[in-house]
Amino acid sequence: MTGEGMQDVGGYAVDVRDGRIGEIMGHVGGSVQLRPVGGGREWDCPPESVGPAPPGEVLRARVRRANRDSRLP
């Protein structure tokens, strides 16, 4: 965490509103920008809805993405 309770860019966080885990891409306009693990479209999350992502959950998300990518032609 940095400064006012914001997590560092490049770290992982969970959007507690829906449980999605994302990589922290930045802080713009009072929102935290998260990108799904393994890539995809970013979404904005209010700072009060950002929680720490448990390492095990980050690993699961990365493995799910790797498995999905391995099944693509």
C-alpha atoms as a PDB file:
ATOM      1  CA  MET A   1       0.000   0.000   0.000  1.00  0.00           C
ATOM      2  CA  THR A   2       1.114   3.523  -0.631  1.00  0.00           C
ATOM      3  CA  GLY A   3       0.170   6.944   0.600  1.00  0.00           C
ATOM      4  CA  GLU A   4      -3.538   7.122   1.314  1.00  0.00           C
ATOM      5  CA  GLY A   5      -4.187   3.384   1.395  1.00  0.00           C
ATOM      6  CA  MET A   6      -3.738   2.989  -2.363  1.00  0.00           C
ATOM      7  CA  GLN A   7      -1.926  -0.087  -3.609  1.00  0.00           C
ATOM      8  CA  ASP A   8       1.088   0.114  -5.856  1.00  0.00           C
ATOM      9  CA  VAL A   9       0.811   0.034  -9.635  1.00  0.00           C
ATOM     10  CA  GLY A  10       1.754  -3.446 -10.835  1.00  0.00           C
ATOM     11  CA  GLY A  11       0.354  -5.129  -7.740  1.00  0.00           C
ATOM     12  CA  TYR A  12      -2.841  -7.152  -7.589  1.00  0.00           C
ATOM     13  CA  ALA A  13      -6.119  -6.251  -5.945  1.00  0.00           C
ATOM     14  CA  VAL A  14      -9.656  -7.524  -5.719  1.00  0.00           C
ATOM     15  CA  ASP A  15     -12.722  -5.481  -6.610  1.00  0.00           C
ATOM     16  CA  VAL A  16     -14.817  -6.328  -3.564  1.00  0.00           C
ATOM     17  CA  ARG A  17     -18.025  -5.352  -5.372  1.00  0.00           C
ATOM     18  CA  ASP A  18     -17.898  -8.467  -7.556  1.00  0.00           C
ATOM     19  CA  GLY A  19     -14.781 -10.406  -6.546  1.00  0.00           C
ATOM     20  CA  ARG A  20     -12.792  -9.792  -9.736  1.00  0.00           C
ATOM     21  CA  ILE A  21      -9.033  -9.831  -9.345  1.00  0.00           C
ATOM     22  CA  GLY A  22      -6.978  -7.400 -11.355  1.00  0.00           C
ATOM     23  CA  GLU A  23      -3.554  -5.902 -11.784  1.00  0.00           C
ATOM     24  CA  ILE A  24      -3.400  -2.278 -10.675  1.00  0.00           C
ATOM     25  CA  MET A  25      -2.645  -0.196 -13.766  1.00  0.00           C
ATOM     26  CA  GLY A  26      -3.012   3.276 -12.308  1.00  0.00           C
ATOM     27  CA  HIS A  27      -4.959   5.800 -10.285  1.00  0.00           C
ATOM     28  CA  VAL A  28      -6.913   8.306 -12.383  1.00  0.00           C
ATOM     29  CA  GLY A  29      -9.697  10.682 -11.452  1.00  0.00           C
ATOM     30  CA  GLY A  30     -10.122   9.223  -7.984  1.00  0.00           C
ATOM     31  CA  SER A  31     -10.524   5.669  -9.299  1.00  0.00           C
ATOM     32  CA  VAL A  32      -8.200   2.719  -9.328  1.00  0.00           C
ATOM     33  CA  GLN A  33      -7.774   1.197 -12.783  1.00  0.00           C
ATOM     34  CA  LEU A  34      -7.641  -2.597 -12.754  1.00  0.00           C
ATOM     35  CA  ARG A  35      -6.904  -4.994 -15.608  1.00  0.00           C
ATOM     36  CA  PRO A  36      -7.848  -8.680 -15.497  1.00  0.00           C
ATOM     37  CA  VAL A  37      -5.019 -11.069 -14.709  1.00  0.00           C
ATOM     38  CA  GLY A  38      -3.449 -12.088 -18.011  1.00  0.00           C
ATOM     39  CA  GLY A  39      -4.761  -9.067 -19.891  1.00  0.00           C
ATOM     40  CA  GLY A  40      -8.041  -7.714 -21.117  1.00  0.00           C
ATOM     41  CA  ARG A  41     -10.083  -4.565 -20.785  1.00  0.00           C
ATOM     42  CA  GLU A  42      -9.413  -2.370 -17.761  1.00  0.00           C
ATOM     43  CA  TRP A  43     -12.157  -1.247 -15.442  1.00  0.00           C
ATOM     44  CA  ASP A  44     -12.408   1.555 -12.900  1.00  0.00           C
ATOM     45  CA  CYS A  45     -12.962   0.779  -9.264  1.00  0.00           C
ATOM     46  CA  PRO A  46     -13.590   3.211  -6.419  1.00  0.00           C
ATOM     47  CA  PRO A  47     -10.664   3.105  -3.961  1.00  0.00           C
ATOM     48  CA  GLU A  48     -12.961   2.059  -1.115  1.00  0.00           C
ATOM     49  CA  SER A  49     -13.931  -1.051  -3.116  1.00  0.00           C
ATOM     50  CA  VAL A  50     -10.341  -2.205  -3.673  1.00  0.00           C
ATOM     51  CA  GLY A  51      -9.084  -4.897  -1.344  1.00  0.00           C
ATOM     52  CA  PRO A  52      -5.910  -6.938  -1.123  1.00  0.00           C
ATOM     53  CA  ALA A  53      -5.804  -9.909  -3.473  1.00  0.00           C
ATOM     54  CA  PRO A  54      -4.802 -13.115  -1.708  1.00  0.00           C
ATOM     55  CA  PRO A  55      -1.730 -14.620  -3.446  1.00  0.00           C
ATOM     56  CA  GLY A  56      -3.531 -17.945  -3.888  1.00  0.00           C
ATOM     57  CA  GLU A  57      -6.391 -16.258  -5.736  1.00  0.00           C
ATOM     58  CA  VAL A  58      -3.971 -14.414  -8.011  1.00  0.00           C
ATOM     59  CA  LEU A  59      -2.248 -17.699  -8.811  1.00  0.00           C
ATOM     60  CA  ARG A  60      -5.599 -19.382  -9.561  1.00  0.00           C
ATOM     61  CA  ALA A  61      -6.574 -16.553 -11.903  1.00  0.00           C
ATOM     62  CA  ARG A  62      -3.231 -16.783 -13.716  1.00  0.00           C
ATOM     63  CA  VAL A  63      -3.540 -20.570 -14.104  1.00  0.00           C
ATOM     64  CA  ARG A  64      -7.132 -20.261 -15.399  1.00  0.00           C
ATOM     65  CA  ARG A  65      -5.928 -17.752 -17.989  1.00  0.00           C
ATOM     66  CA  ALA A  66      -2.979 -19.950 -19.018  1.00  0.00           C
ATOM     67  CA  ASN A  67      -5.264 -22.975 -19.373  1.00  0.00           C
ATOM     68  CA  ARG A  68      -7.785 -21.008 -21.424  1.00  0.00           C
ATOM     69  CA  ASP A  69      -5.013 -19.660 -23.685  1.00  0.00           C
ATOM     70  CA  SER A  70      -3.561 -23.149 -24.192  1.00  0.00           C
ATOM     71  CA  ARG A  71      -6.896 -24.395 -25.592  1.00  0.00           C
ATOM     72  CA  LEU A  72      -7.074 -21.694 -28.265  1.00  0.00           C
ATOM     73  CA  PRO A  73      -6.040 -22.766 -31.769  1.00  0.00           C
END
